[in-house]
Amino acid sequence: MVCWLLRNGDYMPAHCLRVRRKRITCNDGTTLSVQVGEHMYCTPRNNDGEYSEVEVSFIQDSEEKPYIPPNSWEQYSDGSFPSDVYGYVPVALVEEFIASHGGRKFWV
């Protein structure tokens, strides 16, 4: 088995590693993590692209406090609302959320 040595001295199987995309920062300072890939809550669950649903997590306001998304996101929560992770969120909802916060400023 191929393993990677982590900074804390632990080992992780190479197949568990994935590319983590940078956080999205909106023009009003709101940030969110949008992730896709074979180990994420997205559609399709692969690393090839053309995603219709994505995983969104750790939404924060401009003061880095947890931000509660619209109630329409409740059905995508991990069982509690608000949640840290929202799975299989339609891309259109994410784009609408980003637009409602002034659009995308840059990737952090």
C-alpha atoms as a PDB file:
ATOM      1  CA  MET A   1       0.000   0.000   0.000  1.00  0.00           C
ATOM      2  CA  VAL A   2       1.292   3.465  -0.905  1.00  0.00           C
ATOM      3  CA  CYS A   3       1.171   5.927   2.012  1.00  0.00           C
ATOM      4  CA  TRP A   4       1.941   9.588   2.516  1.00  0.00           C
ATOM      5  CA  LEU A   5       3.677  10.924   5.613  1.00  0.00           C
ATOM      6  CA  LEU A   6       1.646  13.772   7.085  1.00  0.00           C
ATOM      7  CA  ARG A   7       3.131  16.750   8.907  1.00  0.00           C
ATOM      8  CA  ASN A   8       1.985  15.408  12.276  1.00  0.00           C
ATOM      9  CA  GLY A   9       3.896  12.156  11.724  1.00  0.00           C
ATOM     10  CA  ASP A  10       0.844  10.030  10.855  1.00  0.00           C
ATOM     11  CA  TYR A  11       0.489   8.111   7.613  1.00  0.00           C
ATOM     12  CA  MET A  12      -2.421   8.293   5.209  1.00  0.00           C
ATOM     13  CA  PRO A  13      -3.122   5.866   2.349  1.00  0.00           C
ATOM     14  CA  ALA A  14      -2.451   7.616  -0.968  1.00  0.00           C
ATOM     15  CA  HIS A  15      -5.928   6.752  -2.272  1.00  0.00           C
ATOM     16  CA  CYS A  16      -7.448   8.902   0.503  1.00  0.00           C
ATOM     17  CA  LEU A  17      -5.746  12.077  -0.694  1.00  0.00           C
ATOM     18  CA  ARG A  18      -7.758  14.468  -2.797  1.00  0.00           C
ATOM     19  CA  VAL A  19      -7.405  17.911  -4.233  1.00  0.00           C
ATOM     20  CA  ARG A  20      -8.972  20.460  -1.947  1.00  0.00           C
ATOM     21  CA  ARG A  21     -10.226  23.509  -3.769  1.00  0.00           C
ATOM     22  CA  LYS A  22      -9.696  26.953  -2.290  1.00  0.00           C
ATOM     23  CA  ARG A  23     -12.492  28.801  -0.486  1.00  0.00           C
ATOM     24  CA  ILE A  24     -14.686  31.154  -2.455  1.00  0.00           C
ATOM     25  CA  THR A  25     -14.807  34.716  -1.141  1.00  0.00           C
ATOM     26  CA  CYS A  26     -17.816  36.826  -2.067  1.00  0.00           C
ATOM     27  CA  ASN A  27     -17.665  40.605  -2.471  1.00  0.00           C
ATOM     28  CA  ASP A  28     -19.399  41.126   0.889  1.00  0.00           C
ATOM     29  CA  GLY A  29     -16.780  39.001   2.685  1.00  0.00           C
ATOM     30  CA  THR A  30     -18.852  35.807   2.979  1.00  0.00           C
ATOM     31  CA  THR A  31     -16.743  32.694   2.320  1.00  0.00           C
ATOM     32  CA  LEU A  32     -17.624  29.097   1.538  1.00  0.00           C
ATOM     33  CA  SER A  33     -15.884  25.900   0.577  1.00  0.00           C
ATOM     34  CA  VAL A  34     -17.211  24.212  -2.559  1.00  0.00           C
ATOM     35  CA  GLN A  35     -15.763  20.763  -3.195  1.00  0.00           C
ATOM     36  CA  VAL A  36     -16.208  18.098  -5.860  1.00  0.00           C
ATOM     37  CA  GLY A  37     -14.636  14.726  -6.533  1.00  0.00           C
ATOM     38  CA  GLU A  38     -15.065  11.021  -6.090  1.00  0.00           C
ATOM     39  CA  HIS A  39     -15.054  11.259  -2.276  1.00  0.00           C
ATOM     40  CA  MET A  40     -17.392  14.258  -2.021  1.00  0.00           C
ATOM     41  CA  TYR A  41     -21.150  14.695  -1.854  1.00  0.00           C
ATOM     42  CA  CYS A  42     -21.496  15.760  -5.486  1.00  0.00           C
ATOM     43  CA  THR A  43     -22.994  14.568  -8.750  1.00  0.00           C
ATOM     44  CA  PRO A  44     -21.329  12.901 -10.489  1.00  0.00           C
ATOM     45  CA  ARG A  45     -19.001  11.448  -7.873  1.00  0.00           C
ATOM     46  CA  ASN A  46     -15.868  11.472  -9.990  1.00  0.00           C
ATOM     47  CA  ASN A  47     -12.866  13.670 -10.697  1.00  0.00           C
ATOM     48  CA  ASP A  48     -13.805  14.490 -14.284  1.00  0.00           C
ATOM     49  CA  GLY A  49     -16.024  17.562 -13.964  1.00  0.00           C
ATOM     50  CA  GLU A  50     -19.362  18.728 -15.376  1.00  0.00           C
ATOM     51  CA  TYR A  51     -20.923  18.718 -11.905  1.00  0.00           C
ATOM     52  CA  SER A  52     -24.615  19.399 -11.416  1.00  0.00           C
ATOM     53  CA  GLU A  53     -24.484  19.132  -7.595  1.00  0.00           C
ATOM     54  CA  VAL A  54     -21.619  20.014  -5.245  1.00  0.00           C
ATOM     55  CA  GLU A  55     -20.580  19.773  -1.593  1.00  0.00           C
ATOM     56  CA  VAL A  56     -20.618  23.088   0.278  1.00  0.00           C
ATOM     57  CA  SER A  57     -19.186  23.501   3.746  1.00  0.00           C
ATOM     58  CA  PHE A  58     -18.067  25.927   6.405  1.00  0.00           C
ATOM     59  CA  ILE A  59     -19.948  29.003   5.233  1.00  0.00           C
ATOM     60  CA  GLN A  60     -18.716  32.062   7.141  1.00  0.00           C
ATOM     61  CA  ASP A  61     -19.623  35.739   7.212  1.00  0.00           C
ATOM     62  CA  SER A  62     -17.100  38.559   6.836  1.00  0.00           C
ATOM     63  CA  GLU A  63     -16.190  38.230  10.525  1.00  0.00           C
ATOM     64  CA  GLU A  64     -15.495  34.496  10.072  1.00  0.00           C
ATOM     65  CA  LYS A  65     -18.560  33.509  12.088  1.00  0.00           C
ATOM     66  CA  PRO A  66     -20.773  30.647  10.876  1.00  0.00           C
ATOM     67  CA  TYR A  67     -23.310  31.856   8.342  1.00  0.00           C
ATOM     68  CA  ILE A  68     -26.728  30.229   8.015  1.00  0.00           C
ATOM     69  CA  PRO A  69     -27.698  29.731   4.361  1.00  0.00           C
ATOM     70  CA  PRO A  70     -31.275  30.123   3.106  1.00  0.00           C
ATOM     71  CA  ASN A  71     -33.884  27.677   4.424  1.00  0.00           C
ATOM     72  CA  SER A  72     -34.015  26.107   0.957  1.00  0.00           C
ATOM     73  CA  TRP A  73     -30.643  24.514   1.791  1.00  0.00           C
ATOM     74  CA  GLU A  74     -32.059  22.562   4.745  1.00  0.00           C
ATOM     75  CA  GLN A  75     -32.778  19.507   2.594  1.00  0.00           C
ATOM     76  CA  TYR A  76     -29.049  19.319   1.718  1.00  0.00           C
ATOM     77  CA  SER A  77     -27.814  19.449   5.328  1.00  0.00           C
ATOM     78  CA  ASP A  78     -26.169  16.522   7.095  1.00  0.00           C
ATOM     79  CA  GLY A  79     -29.228  15.962   9.292  1.00  0.00           C
ATOM     80  CA  SER A  80     -29.237  19.149  11.328  1.00  0.00           C
ATOM     81  CA  PHE A  81     -29.848  22.699  10.180  1.00  0.00           C
ATOM     82  CA  PRO A  82     -27.835  24.790  10.160  1.00  0.00           C
ATOM     83  CA  SER A  83     -25.023  22.406   9.342  1.00  0.00           C
ATOM     84  CA  ASP A  84     -21.288  22.477   8.636  1.00  0.00           C
ATOM     85  CA  VAL A  85     -21.683  20.402   5.469  1.00  0.00           C
ATOM     86  CA  TYR A  86     -24.319  20.488   2.729  1.00  0.00           C
ATOM     87  CA  GLY A  87     -24.244  17.661   0.213  1.00  0.00           C
ATOM     88  CA  TYR A  88     -25.538  17.425  -3.340  1.00  0.00           C
ATOM     89  CA  VAL A  89     -26.389  21.146  -3.512  1.00  0.00           C
ATOM     90  CA  PRO A  90     -27.455  22.099  -7.051  1.00  0.00           C
ATOM     91  CA  VAL A  91     -24.871  24.326  -8.731  1.00  0.00           C
ATOM     92  CA  ALA A  92     -27.629  26.828  -9.561  1.00  0.00           C
ATOM     93  CA  LEU A  93     -28.347  27.305  -5.816  1.00  0.00           C
ATOM     94  CA  VAL A  94     -24.669  27.888  -5.091  1.00  0.00           C
ATOM     95  CA  GLU A  95     -24.401  30.393  -7.937  1.00  0.00           C
ATOM     96  CA  GLU A  96     -27.532  32.148  -6.649  1.00  0.00           C
ATOM     97  CA  PHE A  97     -26.063  32.277  -3.121  1.00  0.00           C
ATOM     98  CA  ILE A  98     -22.777  33.746  -4.382  1.00  0.00           C
ATOM     99  CA  ALA A  99     -24.641  36.330  -6.498  1.00  0.00           C
ATOM    100  CA  SER A 100     -26.765  37.336  -3.487  1.00  0.00           C
ATOM    101  CA  HIS A 101     -23.510  38.158  -1.678  1.00  0.00           C
ATOM    102  CA  GLY A 102     -22.200  40.440  -4.404  1.00  0.00           C
ATOM    103  CA  GLY A 103     -20.628  37.816  -6.629  1.00  0.00           C
ATOM    104  CA  ARG A 104     -17.294  36.065  -6.349  1.00  0.00           C
ATOM    105  CA  LYS A 105     -14.400  38.284  -5.328  1.00  0.00           C
ATOM    106  CA  PHE A 106     -11.520  35.823  -5.455  1.00  0.00           C
ATOM    107  CA  TRP A 107     -10.332  32.406  -4.277  1.00  0.00           C
ATOM    108  CA  VAL A 108      -8.632  32.488  -0.875  1.00  0.00           C
END
